[in-house]
C-alpha atoms as a PDB file:
ATOM      1  CA  MET A   1      15.469  44.580 -43.307  1.00  0.00           C
ATOM      2  CA  ALA A   2      14.858  41.588 -41.672  1.00  0.00           C
ATOM      3  CA  LYS A   3      12.396  41.449 -38.882  1.00  0.00           C
ATOM      4  CA  SER A   4      14.047  40.828 -35.440  1.00  0.00           C
ATOM      5  CA  ASN A   5      13.126  37.954 -33.316  1.00  0.00           C
ATOM      6  CA  LYS A   6      12.324  39.212 -29.789  1.00  0.00           C
ATOM      7  CA  PHE A   7      12.486  35.678 -28.142  1.00  0.00           C
ATOM      8  CA  THR A   8      14.954  36.240 -25.582  1.00  0.00           C
ATOM      9  CA  ARG A   9      16.651  33.950 -23.233  1.00  0.00           C
ATOM     10  CA  ARG A  10      14.678  35.622 -20.363  1.00  0.00           C
ATOM     11  CA  ARG A  11      11.461  34.671 -22.017  1.00  0.00           C
ATOM     12  CA  PHE A  12      12.682  31.086 -22.567  1.00  0.00           C
ATOM     13  CA  VAL A  13      13.274  30.516 -19.001  1.00  0.00           C
ATOM     14  CA  GLN A  14      10.070  32.010 -18.101  1.00  0.00           C
ATOM     15  CA  LEU A  15       8.130  29.708 -20.326  1.00  0.00           C
ATOM     16  CA  ALA A  16      10.303  26.691 -19.329  1.00  0.00           C
ATOM     17  CA  ALA A  17       9.643  27.281 -15.670  1.00  0.00           C
ATOM     18  CA  ALA A  18       5.878  27.817 -16.209  1.00  0.00           C
ATOM     19  CA  GLY A  19       5.856  24.452 -18.124  1.00  0.00           C
ATOM     20  CA  THR A  20       7.884  22.591 -15.598  1.00  0.00           C
ATOM     21  CA  GLY A  21       5.722  24.047 -12.584  1.00  0.00           C
ATOM     22  CA  SER A  22       2.440  23.161 -14.226  1.00  0.00           C
ATOM     23  CA  ILE A  23       3.469  19.375 -14.228  1.00  0.00           C
ATOM     24  CA  TYR A  24       3.123  19.447 -10.528  1.00  0.00           C
ATOM     25  CA  LEU A  25      -0.618  20.650 -10.786  1.00  0.00           C
ATOM     26  CA  LEU A  26      -1.747  17.719 -12.668  1.00  0.00           C
ATOM     27  CA  PRO A  27      -4.004  15.327 -10.656  1.00  0.00           C
ATOM     28  CA  ARG A  28      -2.467  12.307  -8.916  1.00  0.00           C
ATOM     29  CA  CYS A  29      -3.916   8.894  -8.519  1.00  0.00           C
ATOM     30  CA  THR A  30      -6.264   8.640  -5.557  1.00  0.00           C
ATOM     31  CA  SER A  31      -5.409   5.266  -4.342  1.00  0.00           C
ATOM     32  CA  GLY A  32      -2.660   6.830  -1.871  1.00  0.00           C
ATOM     33  CA  GLN A  33       0.140   5.942  -4.132  1.00  0.00           C
ATOM     34  CA  ASP A  34       0.587   6.985  -7.758  1.00  0.00           C
ATOM     35  CA  SER A  35       0.473   3.739  -9.759  1.00  0.00           C
ATOM     36  CA  SER A  36       3.523   4.884 -11.704  1.00  0.00           C
ATOM     37  CA  THR A  37       5.399   4.528  -8.418  1.00  0.00           C
ATOM     38  CA  ARG A  38       4.468   0.989  -7.762  1.00  0.00           C
ATOM     39  CA  ARG A  39       7.372  -1.445  -7.539  1.00  0.00           C
ATOM     40  CA  PHE A  40       5.793  -4.784  -7.225  1.00  0.00           C
ATOM     41  CA  PHE A  41       1.955  -4.658  -7.131  1.00  0.00           C
ATOM     42  CA  THR A  42      -0.281  -4.114 -10.049  1.00  0.00           C
ATOM     43  CA  GLU A  43      -3.052  -1.555  -9.564  1.00  0.00           C
ATOM     44  CA  VAL A  44      -5.565  -4.364  -9.196  1.00  0.00           C
ATOM     45  CA  GLU A  45      -3.444  -6.180  -6.547  1.00  0.00           C
ATOM     46  CA  ALA A  46      -2.974  -2.846  -4.735  1.00  0.00           C
ATOM     47  CA  ILE A  47      -6.700  -2.193  -4.481  1.00  0.00           C
ATOM     48  CA  LEU A  48      -7.157  -5.773  -2.988  1.00  0.00           C
ATOM     49  CA  VAL A  49      -4.288  -5.202  -0.479  1.00  0.00           C
ATOM     50  CA  ASP A  50      -5.930  -1.738   0.425  1.00  0.00           C
ATOM     51  CA  ALA A  51      -9.112  -3.742   1.246  1.00  0.00           C
ATOM     52  CA  ILE A  52      -7.449  -6.491   3.371  1.00  0.00           C
ATOM     53  CA  ALA A  53      -5.531  -3.752   5.162  1.00  0.00           C
ATOM     54  CA  ASP A  54      -8.742  -1.977   6.220  1.00  0.00           C
ATOM     55  CA  GLN A  55     -10.010  -5.324   7.459  1.00  0.00           C
ATOM     56  CA  VAL A  56      -6.924  -6.073   9.480  1.00  0.00           C
ATOM     57  CA  ILE A  57      -6.829  -2.601  10.891  1.00  0.00           C
ATOM     58  CA  PRO A  58     -10.310  -1.159  10.515  1.00  0.00           C
ATOM     59  CA  PRO A  59     -10.778   2.702  10.450  1.00  0.00           C
ATOM     60  CA  ASP A  60     -12.424   4.259  13.264  1.00  0.00           C
ATOM     61  CA  GLU A  61     -11.718   7.606  14.576  1.00  0.00           C
ATOM     62  CA  TRP A  62      -8.205   6.855  13.302  1.00  0.00           C
ATOM     63  CA  PRO A  63      -7.357   6.037   9.793  1.00  0.00           C
ATOM     64  CA  GLY A  64      -7.121   2.254   9.041  1.00  0.00           C
ATOM     65  CA  GLY A  65      -4.653   0.098   7.401  1.00  0.00           C
ATOM     66  CA  LYS A  66      -5.263   1.427   3.880  1.00  0.00           C
ATOM     67  CA  ASP A  67      -4.789   5.244   4.906  1.00  0.00           C
ATOM     68  CA  SER A  68      -1.723   4.361   6.897  1.00  0.00           C
ATOM     69  CA  GLY A  69       0.110   3.290   3.953  1.00  0.00           C
ATOM     70  CA  ALA A  70       0.158  -0.541   4.473  1.00  0.00           C
ATOM     71  CA  THR A  71       0.147  -1.150   0.733  1.00  0.00           C
ATOM     72  CA  ASN A  72       2.896   1.059   0.001  1.00  0.00           C
ATOM     73  CA  PHE A  73       4.933  -0.528   2.644  1.00  0.00           C
ATOM     74  CA  ILE A  74       4.485  -4.188   1.420  1.00  0.00           C
ATOM     75  CA  ASP A  75       4.948  -3.071  -2.114  1.00  0.00           C
ATOM     76  CA  LYS A  76       8.239  -1.398  -1.122  1.00  0.00           C
ATOM     77  CA  GLN A  77       9.397  -4.260   0.917  1.00  0.00           C
ATOM     78  CA  LEU A  78       8.684  -6.931  -1.764  1.00  0.00           C
ATOM     79  CA  VAL A  79      11.348  -5.546  -4.042  1.00  0.00           C
ATOM     80  CA  GLY A  80      13.702  -5.312  -1.087  1.00  0.00           C
ATOM     81  CA  PRO A  81      14.006  -7.370   2.101  1.00  0.00           C
ATOM     82  CA  TYR A  82      10.817  -9.315   1.370  1.00  0.00           C
ATOM     83  CA  LYS A  83      11.827 -10.279  -2.122  1.00  0.00           C
ATOM     84  CA  ARG A  84      11.358 -13.909  -0.913  1.00  0.00           C
ATOM     85  CA  TYR A  85       7.604 -13.610  -0.662  1.00  0.00           C
ATOM     86  CA  GLN A  86       6.852 -12.153  -4.153  1.00  0.00           C
ATOM     87  CA  GLU A  87       5.771 -15.620  -5.437  1.00  0.00           C
ATOM     88  CA  THR A  88       3.596 -16.099  -2.306  1.00  0.00           C
ATOM     89  CA  TYR A  89       1.927 -12.618  -2.644  1.00  0.00           C
ATOM     90  CA  ARG A  90       1.114 -13.419  -6.347  1.00  0.00           C
ATOM     91  CA  LYS A  91      -0.229 -16.797  -5.689  1.00  0.00           C
ATOM     92  CA  GLY A  92      -2.089 -15.627  -2.453  1.00  0.00           C
ATOM     93  CA  LEU A  93      -3.727 -12.591  -4.027  1.00  0.00           C
ATOM     94  CA  ALA A  94      -4.713 -14.473  -7.104  1.00  0.00           C
ATOM     95  CA  ALA A  95      -6.325 -17.251  -4.937  1.00  0.00           C
ATOM     96  CA  ILE A  96      -8.190 -14.856  -2.950  1.00  0.00           C
ATOM     97  CA  GLN A  97      -9.910 -13.176  -6.029  1.00  0.00           C
ATOM     98  CA  GLU A  98     -10.501 -16.595  -7.617  1.00  0.00           C
ATOM     99  CA  SER A  99     -12.192 -17.751  -4.474  1.00  0.00           C
ATOM    100  CA  CYS A 100     -14.371 -14.738  -4.037  1.00  0.00           C
ATOM    101  CA  SER A 101     -15.244 -15.079  -7.892  1.00  0.00           C
ATOM    102  CA  THR A 102     -16.475 -18.739  -7.240  1.00  0.00           C
ATOM    103  CA  LEU A 103     -18.252 -18.064  -3.807  1.00  0.00           C
ATOM    104  CA  TYR A 104     -19.761 -14.700  -4.339  1.00  0.00           C
ATOM    105  CA  GLN A 105     -19.381 -13.736  -8.189  1.00  0.00           C
ATOM    106  CA  LYS A 106     -17.494 -10.653  -6.920  1.00  0.00           C
ATOM    107  CA  ARG A 107     -13.959  -9.397  -6.496  1.00  0.00           C
ATOM    108  CA  PHE A 108     -13.026  -9.299  -2.705  1.00  0.00           C
ATOM    109  CA  GLU A 109     -13.150  -5.595  -2.391  1.00  0.00           C
ATOM    110  CA  GLU A 110     -16.516  -5.432  -3.871  1.00  0.00           C
ATOM    111  CA  LEU A 111     -17.885  -7.658  -1.014  1.00  0.00           C
ATOM    112  CA  SER A 112     -19.656  -6.100   1.999  1.00  0.00           C
ATOM    113  CA  TRP A 113     -17.742  -5.634   5.122  1.00  0.00           C
ATOM    114  CA  ASP A 114     -19.191  -8.468   6.748  1.00  0.00           C
ATOM    115  CA  GLU A 115     -18.543 -10.894   3.791  1.00  0.00           C
ATOM    116  CA  GLN A 116     -14.957  -9.722   3.618  1.00  0.00           C
ATOM    117  CA  THR A 117     -14.561 -10.504   7.448  1.00  0.00           C
ATOM    118  CA  ALA A 118     -16.197 -13.835   7.182  1.00  0.00           C
ATOM    119  CA  PHE A 119     -13.833 -14.595   4.214  1.00  0.00           C
ATOM    120  CA  LEU A 120     -10.767 -13.747   6.128  1.00  0.00           C
ATOM    121  CA  GLU A 121     -11.753 -15.490   9.067  1.00  0.00           C
ATOM    122  CA  GLN A 122     -12.142 -18.718   6.924  1.00  0.00           C
ATOM    123  CA  MET A 123      -8.334 -18.097   5.633  1.00  0.00           C
ATOM    124  CA  GLU A 124      -7.154 -17.484   9.109  1.00  0.00           C
ATOM    125  CA  ALA A 125      -8.839 -20.767  10.425  1.00  0.00           C
ATOM    126  CA  GLY A 126      -7.374 -22.762   7.393  1.00  0.00           C
ATOM    127  CA  GLN A 127     -10.889 -23.641   6.070  1.00  0.00           C
ATOM    128  CA  MET A 128     -10.703 -22.440   2.479  1.00  0.00           C
ATOM    129  CA  LYS A 129     -11.696 -24.929  -0.262  1.00  0.00           C
ATOM    130  CA  GLY A 130      -9.965 -25.363  -3.357  1.00  0.00           C
ATOM    131  CA  THR A 131      -6.536 -26.354  -4.887  1.00  0.00           C
ATOM    132  CA  ALA A 132      -5.174 -22.900  -4.578  1.00  0.00           C
ATOM    133  CA  TRP A 133      -5.431 -23.310  -0.787  1.00  0.00           C
ATOM    134  CA  ALA A 134      -3.925 -26.877  -0.501  1.00  0.00           C
ATOM    135  CA  GLU A 135      -1.460 -27.755   2.446  1.00  0.00           C
ATOM    136  CA  GLY A 136      -2.705 -24.889   4.670  1.00  0.00           C
ATOM    137  CA  PHE A 137      -1.718 -22.155   2.235  1.00  0.00           C
ATOM    138  CA  ASP A 138      -4.990 -20.305   3.306  1.00  0.00           C
ATOM    139  CA  ASN A 139      -3.559 -19.744   6.855  1.00  0.00           C
ATOM    140  CA  GLU A 140       0.007 -19.285   5.776  1.00  0.00           C
ATOM    141  CA  PHE A 141      -0.879 -16.573   3.231  1.00  0.00           C
ATOM    142  CA  PHE A 142      -3.251 -14.915   5.972  1.00  0.00           C
ATOM    143  CA  GLU A 143      -0.463 -14.777   8.522  1.00  0.00           C
ATOM    144  CA  LEU A 144       1.877 -13.316   6.191  1.00  0.00           C
ATOM    145  CA  ILE A 145      -0.134 -10.497   4.930  1.00  0.00           C
ATOM    146  CA  ARG A 146      -1.583  -9.721   8.451  1.00  0.00           C
ATOM    147  CA  ASP A 147       2.021  -9.722   9.821  1.00  0.00           C
ATOM    148  CA  HIS A 148       3.160  -7.331   6.999  1.00  0.00           C
ATOM    149  CA  ILE A 149       0.246  -4.974   7.557  1.00  0.00           C
ATOM    150  CA  MET A 150       0.777  -4.914  11.354  1.00  0.00           C
ATOM    151  CA  GLN A 151       4.557  -4.123  10.582  1.00  0.00           C
ATOM    152  CA  SER A 152       3.598  -1.278   8.431  1.00  0.00           C
ATOM    153  CA  TYR A 153       1.251   0.231  10.916  1.00  0.00           C
ATOM    154  CA  TYR A 154       3.492   0.112  13.917  1.00  0.00           C
ATOM    155  CA  GLY A 155       6.758   0.342  12.239  1.00  0.00           C
ATOM    156  CA  SER A 156       8.865   3.261  11.202  1.00  0.00           C
ATOM    157  CA  PRO A 157       7.452   5.514   8.469  1.00  0.00           C
ATOM    158  CA  ARG A 158      10.746   5.517   6.920  1.00  0.00           C
ATOM    159  CA  HIS A 159      10.074   1.976   5.688  1.00  0.00           C
ATOM    160  CA  GLY A 160       6.886   3.115   3.814  1.00  0.00           C
ATOM    161  CA  GLY A 161       4.073   2.602   6.231  1.00  0.00           C
ATOM    162  CA  ASN A 162       2.849   4.443   9.287  1.00  0.00           C
ATOM    163  CA  LYS A 163       2.029   7.325   7.150  1.00  0.00           C
ATOM    164  CA  ASN A 164       2.496  10.632   9.139  1.00  0.00           C
ATOM    165  CA  ASN A 165       3.469   8.732  12.275  1.00  0.00           C
ATOM    166  CA  LEU A 166      -0.195   7.633  12.608  1.00  0.00           C
ATOM    167  CA  SER A 167       0.162   4.771  15.138  1.00  0.00           C
ATOM    168  CA  TYR A 168       2.751   6.693  17.106  1.00  0.00           C
ATOM    169  CA  ARG A 169       0.250   9.769  17.434  1.00  0.00           C
ATOM    170  CA  MET A 170      -2.648   7.251  18.156  1.00  0.00           C
ATOM    171  CA  ILE A 171      -0.945   5.525  21.014  1.00  0.00           C
ATOM    172  CA  GLY A 172       0.367   8.778  22.422  1.00  0.00           C
ATOM    173  CA  VAL A 173       4.245   8.254  22.086  1.00  0.00           C
ATOM    174  CA  ASP A 174       6.691  10.675  20.367  1.00  0.00           C
ATOM    175  CA  TYR A 175       8.678   9.429  17.402  1.00  0.00           C
ATOM    176  CA  PRO A 176      10.994   6.792  18.762  1.00  0.00           C
ATOM    177  CA  LEU A 177      14.560   7.616  19.053  1.00  0.00           C
ATOM    178  CA  ILE A 178      16.661   5.971  16.394  1.00  0.00           C
ATOM    179  CA  ILE A 179      19.576   4.171  17.914  1.00  0.00           C
ATOM    180  CA  GLY A 180      22.821   4.659  16.170  1.00  0.00           C
ATOM    181  CA  GLN A 181      22.349   8.113  15.130  1.00  0.00           C
ATOM    182  CA  ASN A 182      23.882  11.076  17.154  1.00  0.00           C
ATOM    183  CA  ARG A 183      20.868  13.391  16.512  1.00  0.00           C
ATOM    184  CA  TYR A 184      19.661  13.643  20.247  1.00  0.00           C
ATOM    185  CA  LYS A 185      21.598  15.170  23.067  1.00  0.00           C
ATOM    186  CA  VAL A 186      21.351  13.379  26.324  1.00  0.00           C
END
């Protein structure tokens, strides 16, 4: 007589559920957003934007720009409503790293806090040297990324920033009423 196979449908479902559930236990990327979910930025660019976000909104007793999700917000918007800024971001982020490499022989995120601050102050003032910064691109890019970081921090979390309503909690306001939705009784 042939040996009977005891692998039942119930056992198959148990093994499939265990295998599927174990996927969720795998470690995630620690940069605040899994790199596989990036829409526009490379991992290297995302690290740079994180460093700039923390300079624009420094962490103190409240999380700063990086931990509020600014990079995720900008990344998400650059494949949507801010698509027109894609080339500007590629050019600006590359120019920052090129300038830091020339001036400090380091990447921006490797600079000390004070060096990062001084670098961004020069950008804001339009005092950067080099062809990458010609025609006021240094000031233009600084204002663009600063504005996007601020929009992320103070805007609605539904757009990818202001993680966990961080800025709303910080300034002591409830989650703002969304006009046009009938979710609230007057």
